[in-house]
């Protein structure tokens, strides 16, 4: 059986890195993309890079291939997908975990001076465009770029890392709006892709113990690790009936109970509720 060929956007750190490693555990070929590289600039000067993740993919049992890409740039995304198809012949799984909305955010205050959760009528609206540009647009650009090859193959999985907005307000008008837009984008893409055998969905983790969360001393409040999200994606990628999830926002904890995987410590957390 041939290994899955997966492209994980935004995989130098955080949830994207966890997804890359979860796929690696399943022996996948993982194209690891992002802006932070050993060969160039790093987001906010952080130490994590796409090369780091690619090496960890190799150490975990997969085959890692780093690729530097600004996922807000349509030409760069198209070039990435063209390279991947030339190199591997197909893309079975594509996941967007790109989110630039937290750049410059210190856990309380955004670069424009507004604070998380400040009433919308007391703050500038620039963050709305920023969240859409660095979260929703990259997801659309990736889906648009990989869809033709998947439609031709009559199979494939496209996932957007988001958060379920169906029952809860997420505490910030711009953040909530961006996540809702991602969820609706997954639903809309699924309607057009379903007749061609391709599945699009949104993935809803809990509060994940990312590097930023750990550095802020808030790991104890997290509900799951990045690897747990990766194992959810790997389970979806290997499900011959994954189309049943098309258009849905699927919670990682719910998927763990359906597919039987656990977090890195062997437990299955409860579904996260804000």
Protein backbone atom coordinates (compact mmCIF):
# COMPACT_ATOMS: atom_id res chain seq x y z
CA UNK A 1 0.00 0.00 0.00
CA UNK A 2 1.41 3.38 -1.03
CA UNK A 3 1.94 5.97 1.70
CA UNK A 4 -0.39 8.95 1.90
CA UNK A 5 0.97 12.15 0.37
CA UNK A 6 -0.02 15.02 2.65
CA UNK A 7 0.53 18.76 2.49
CA UNK A 8 0.31 20.59 5.81
CA UNK A 9 0.28 24.38 5.57
CA UNK A 10 1.49 26.27 8.60
CA UNK A 11 3.45 23.34 10.00
CA UNK A 12 6.55 24.94 11.46
CA UNK A 13 4.89 25.03 14.89
CA UNK A 14 1.66 24.62 16.80
CA UNK A 15 -1.27 22.60 15.54
CA UNK A 16 0.21 22.35 12.05
CA UNK A 17 3.34 20.71 13.40
CA UNK A 18 1.22 18.27 15.40
CA UNK A 19 -0.73 17.35 12.28
CA UNK A 20 2.49 16.70 10.39
CA UNK A 21 3.71 14.39 13.17
CA UNK A 22 0.39 12.58 13.45
CA UNK A 23 0.53 11.82 9.74
CA UNK A 24 4.18 10.80 10.10
CA UNK A 25 3.22 8.19 12.71
CA UNK A 26 1.07 6.64 9.98
CA UNK A 27 4.02 6.56 7.59
CA UNK A 28 2.90 9.43 5.37
CA UNK A 29 4.94 11.55 3.02
CA UNK A 30 4.45 15.01 4.55
CA UNK A 31 5.14 18.27 2.74
CA UNK A 32 5.76 20.72 5.57
CA UNK A 33 5.18 24.35 4.64
CA UNK A 34 5.34 27.76 6.24
CA UNK A 35 7.30 31.01 6.28
CA UNK A 36 9.79 30.25 9.07
CA UNK A 37 12.97 28.68 7.73
CA UNK A 38 16.57 28.10 8.70
CA UNK A 39 17.45 29.73 5.37
CA UNK A 40 15.53 32.95 5.91
CA UNK A 41 13.21 34.99 8.11
CA UNK A 42 11.29 33.44 10.97
CA UNK A 43 7.85 34.56 12.09
CA UNK A 44 8.27 36.97 15.03
CA UNK A 45 11.85 35.72 15.33
CA UNK A 46 10.69 32.40 16.74
CA UNK A 47 13.06 29.44 16.72
CA UNK A 48 10.78 26.84 15.08
CA UNK A 49 11.19 26.22 11.34
CA UNK A 50 9.76 24.04 8.59
CA UNK A 51 13.07 22.18 8.48
CA UNK A 52 12.75 21.32 12.17
CA UNK A 53 9.31 19.81 11.58
CA UNK A 54 10.46 17.91 8.51
CA UNK A 55 13.28 16.32 10.52
CA UNK A 56 10.84 15.38 13.26
CA UNK A 57 8.54 13.85 10.63
CA UNK A 58 11.45 11.65 9.53
CA UNK A 59 12.24 10.68 13.12
CA UNK A 60 8.58 9.79 13.72
CA UNK A 61 8.34 7.37 10.82
CA UNK A 62 7.27 9.49 7.87
CA UNK A 63 9.09 11.24 5.06
CA UNK A 64 9.40 14.98 5.58
CA UNK A 65 9.83 17.57 2.84
CA UNK A 66 10.13 21.23 3.91
CA UNK A 67 8.92 23.96 1.56
CA UNK A 68 8.98 27.69 2.28
CA UNK A 69 5.68 29.31 1.34
CA UNK A 70 3.73 32.44 2.22
CA UNK A 71 0.21 31.06 2.19
CA UNK A 72 -1.36 34.50 1.77
CA UNK A 73 0.29 34.75 -1.66
CA UNK A 74 -1.72 33.02 -4.40
CA UNK A 75 1.27 32.65 -6.72
CA UNK A 76 3.39 31.03 -4.02
CA UNK A 77 0.61 28.58 -3.09
CA UNK A 78 0.06 27.64 -6.74
CA UNK A 79 3.82 27.12 -7.12
CA UNK A 80 3.94 24.91 -4.03
CA UNK A 81 1.14 22.66 -5.27
CA UNK A 82 2.65 22.46 -8.77
CA UNK A 83 5.98 21.40 -7.24
CA UNK A 84 4.29 18.79 -5.04
CA UNK A 85 2.41 17.27 -7.96
CA UNK A 86 5.55 17.12 -10.09
CA UNK A 87 7.50 15.53 -7.23
CA UNK A 88 4.94 13.04 -5.92
CA UNK A 89 2.29 12.77 -8.63
CA UNK A 90 -0.63 13.40 -6.30
CA UNK A 91 -1.79 15.03 -3.07
CA UNK A 92 -4.08 12.86 -0.96
CA UNK A 93 -4.51 15.18 2.02
CA UNK A 94 -4.18 18.95 2.30
CA UNK A 95 -4.65 20.74 5.61
CA UNK A 96 -4.52 24.48 6.25
CA UNK A 97 -3.36 25.31 9.77
CA UNK A 98 -2.30 28.82 8.79
CA UNK A 99 -3.17 31.51 11.31
CA UNK A 100 -1.34 34.81 11.49
CA UNK A 101 -3.87 36.54 13.70
CA UNK A 102 -1.81 36.11 16.86
CA UNK A 103 1.32 37.75 15.52
CA UNK A 104 2.16 40.59 17.85
CA UNK A 105 -0.54 39.52 20.32
CA UNK A 106 0.81 39.24 23.87
CA UNK A 107 -2.07 37.21 25.26
CA UNK A 108 -4.06 40.29 26.14
CA UNK A 109 -3.40 43.11 23.67
CA UNK A 110 -3.22 43.15 19.88
CA UNK A 111 -0.71 45.26 17.91
CA UNK A 112 -3.43 47.88 17.24
CA UNK A 113 -3.72 48.46 21.00
CA UNK A 114 -7.11 46.78 21.41
CA UNK A 115 -7.55 44.06 23.98
CA UNK A 116 -9.03 40.60 23.51
CA UNK A 117 -12.77 40.70 24.11
CA UNK A 118 -13.10 44.48 24.02
CA UNK A 119 -16.62 45.29 22.76
CA UNK A 120 -16.61 45.69 18.99
CA UNK A 121 -17.90 49.27 19.16
CA UNK A 122 -14.83 50.30 21.15
CA UNK A 123 -12.13 49.06 18.83
CA UNK A 124 -10.77 49.59 15.32
CA UNK A 125 -11.86 47.16 12.61
CA UNK A 126 -8.45 46.41 11.13
CA UNK A 127 -8.23 43.05 12.88
CA UNK A 128 -11.23 41.79 10.94
CA UNK A 129 -9.33 42.08 7.69
CA UNK A 130 -6.16 40.70 9.24
CA UNK A 131 -7.89 37.59 10.60
CA UNK A 132 -9.56 36.96 7.25
CA UNK A 133 -6.32 37.54 5.33
CA UNK A 134 -4.16 35.33 7.53
CA UNK A 135 -6.66 32.57 8.29
CA UNK A 136 -9.55 32.32 5.88
CA UNK A 137 -7.83 33.38 2.66
CA UNK A 138 -4.92 30.88 3.04
CA UNK A 139 -7.45 28.07 3.48
CA UNK A 140 -9.25 29.06 0.29
CA UNK A 141 -6.01 29.46 -1.67
CA UNK A 142 -4.83 26.00 -0.64
CA UNK A 143 -8.18 24.35 -1.41
CA UNK A 144 -8.36 26.09 -4.77
CA UNK A 145 -4.85 24.96 -5.67
CA UNK A 146 -5.21 21.27 -4.72
CA UNK A 147 -8.80 20.75 -5.85
CA UNK A 148 -8.14 20.19 -9.59
CA UNK A 149 -5.78 17.27 -8.95
CA UNK A 150 -8.08 15.74 -6.34
CA UNK A 151 -11.14 16.13 -8.56
CA UNK A 152 -9.23 14.46 -11.40
CA UNK A 153 -8.26 11.59 -9.08
CA UNK A 154 -11.83 11.43 -7.69
CA UNK A 155 -10.53 11.30 -4.12
CA UNK A 156 -8.85 13.45 -1.52
CA UNK A 157 -9.28 15.19 1.83
CA UNK A 158 -9.09 18.94 2.44
CA UNK A 159 -9.15 20.14 6.04
CA UNK A 160 -9.25 23.58 7.63
CA UNK A 161 -8.12 23.92 11.25
CA UNK A 162 -10.79 26.06 12.88
CA UNK A 163 -13.06 25.99 15.94
CA UNK A 164 -16.70 25.06 16.30
CA UNK A 165 -18.84 28.20 16.48
CA UNK A 166 -22.24 26.50 16.37
CA UNK A 167 -23.04 26.66 20.09
CA UNK A 168 -20.61 29.13 21.65
CA UNK A 169 -19.31 32.66 21.21
CA UNK A 170 -15.52 32.53 21.19
CA UNK A 171 -15.03 35.71 23.19
CA UNK A 172 -13.79 38.12 20.52
CA UNK A 173 -15.91 39.42 17.66
CA UNK A 174 -13.15 39.29 15.03
CA UNK A 175 -11.78 35.90 16.08
CA UNK A 176 -15.26 34.40 16.26
CA UNK A 177 -16.12 35.79 12.83
CA UNK A 178 -12.97 34.39 11.24
CA UNK A 179 -13.53 30.91 12.65
CA UNK A 180 -17.17 30.95 11.55
CA UNK A 181 -16.04 31.98 8.07
CA UNK A 182 -13.61 29.04 7.97
CA UNK A 183 -16.36 26.65 8.98
CA UNK A 184 -18.71 28.00 6.33
CA UNK A 185 -15.94 27.82 3.74
CA UNK A 186 -15.48 24.12 4.53
CA UNK A 187 -19.23 23.58 4.17
CA UNK A 188 -19.40 25.43 0.86
CA UNK A 189 -16.33 23.70 -0.60
CA UNK A 190 -17.77 20.33 0.43
CA UNK A 191 -20.93 20.96 -1.58
CA UNK A 192 -18.95 21.51 -4.78
CA UNK A 193 -16.39 18.77 -4.16
CA UNK A 194 -18.71 16.01 -2.96
CA UNK A 195 -19.89 14.98 -6.46
CA UNK A 196 -16.25 14.42 -7.39
CA UNK A 197 -15.38 12.15 -4.45
CA UNK A 198 -13.40 14.79 -2.56
CA UNK A 199 -14.07 15.61 1.10
CA UNK A 200 -13.74 19.07 2.65
CA UNK A 201 -14.26 19.65 6.37
CA UNK A 202 -13.29 21.86 9.29
CA UNK A 203 -11.41 20.47 12.26
CA UNK A 204 -12.16 21.75 15.77
CA UNK A 205 -9.45 21.04 18.37
CA UNK A 206 -9.78 21.93 22.00
CA UNK A 207 -7.38 24.28 23.70
CA UNK A 208 -4.07 22.97 22.39
CA UNK A 209 -0.79 23.02 24.29
CA UNK A 210 1.16 24.76 21.54
CA UNK A 211 4.57 26.33 22.01
CA UNK A 212 2.95 29.71 22.69
CA UNK A 213 0.59 28.25 25.28
CA UNK A 214 3.43 26.45 27.06
CA UNK A 215 5.60 29.56 27.05
CA UNK A 216 2.75 31.53 28.58
CA UNK A 217 2.63 29.01 31.44
CA UNK A 218 -0.88 27.89 30.47
CA UNK A 219 -0.20 24.29 29.45
CA UNK A 220 -2.13 22.97 32.45
CA UNK A 221 -5.27 24.64 31.10
CA UNK A 222 -4.91 22.98 27.70
CA UNK A 223 -7.16 20.07 26.82
CA UNK A 224 -4.93 18.32 24.28
CA UNK A 225 -1.58 18.31 22.54
CA UNK A 226 -0.86 19.18 18.90
CA UNK A 227 -0.19 15.48 18.24
CA UNK A 228 -3.77 14.65 19.21
CA UNK A 229 -4.96 16.86 16.37
CA UNK A 230 -2.53 15.12 14.05
CA UNK A 231 -3.84 11.71 15.00
CA UNK A 232 -7.35 12.95 14.21
CA UNK A 233 -6.25 13.96 10.72
CA UNK A 234 -4.46 10.64 10.20
CA UNK A 235 -7.61 8.76 11.21
CA UNK A 236 -9.69 10.78 8.77
CA UNK A 237 -7.13 10.25 6.01
CA UNK A 238 -7.34 6.47 6.39
CA UNK A 239 -11.13 6.29 6.62
CA UNK A 240 -12.61 4.90 3.37
CA UNK A 241 -15.92 6.46 4.40
CA UNK A 242 -14.52 9.90 5.25
CA UNK A 243 -17.12 11.49 2.98
CA UNK A 244 -19.65 11.13 5.83
CA UNK A 245 -17.86 14.05 7.49
CA UNK A 246 -17.99 16.30 4.42
CA UNK A 247 -18.95 19.88 5.19
CA UNK A 248 -18.98 19.32 8.94
CA UNK A 249 -17.02 20.84 11.79
CA UNK A 250 -15.57 17.76 13.47
CA UNK A 251 -14.18 17.89 17.01
CA UNK A 252 -10.93 16.06 17.71
CA UNK A 253 -12.29 14.51 20.92
CA UNK A 254 -15.33 13.16 19.07
CA UNK A 255 -13.09 11.69 16.37
CA UNK A 256 -10.95 9.99 19.01
CA UNK A 257 -13.98 8.15 20.30
CA UNK A 258 -15.05 7.19 16.78
CA UNK A 259 -11.66 6.00 15.58
CA UNK A 260 -10.05 4.80 18.82
CA UNK A 261 -6.92 6.96 19.01
CA UNK A 262 -5.60 8.73 22.11
CA UNK A 263 -3.46 11.73 22.98
CA UNK A 264 0.25 11.29 23.62
CA UNK A 265 -0.38 10.41 27.28
CA UNK A 266 -2.87 7.66 26.38
CA UNK A 267 -5.99 9.53 27.42
CA UNK A 268 -8.97 10.78 25.44
CA UNK A 269 -9.97 14.27 26.60
CA UNK A 270 -13.54 15.46 26.79
CA UNK A 271 -14.76 17.66 23.99
CA UNK A 272 -13.57 21.18 24.74
CA UNK A 273 -16.27 23.75 25.51
CA UNK A 274 -15.34 27.40 26.03
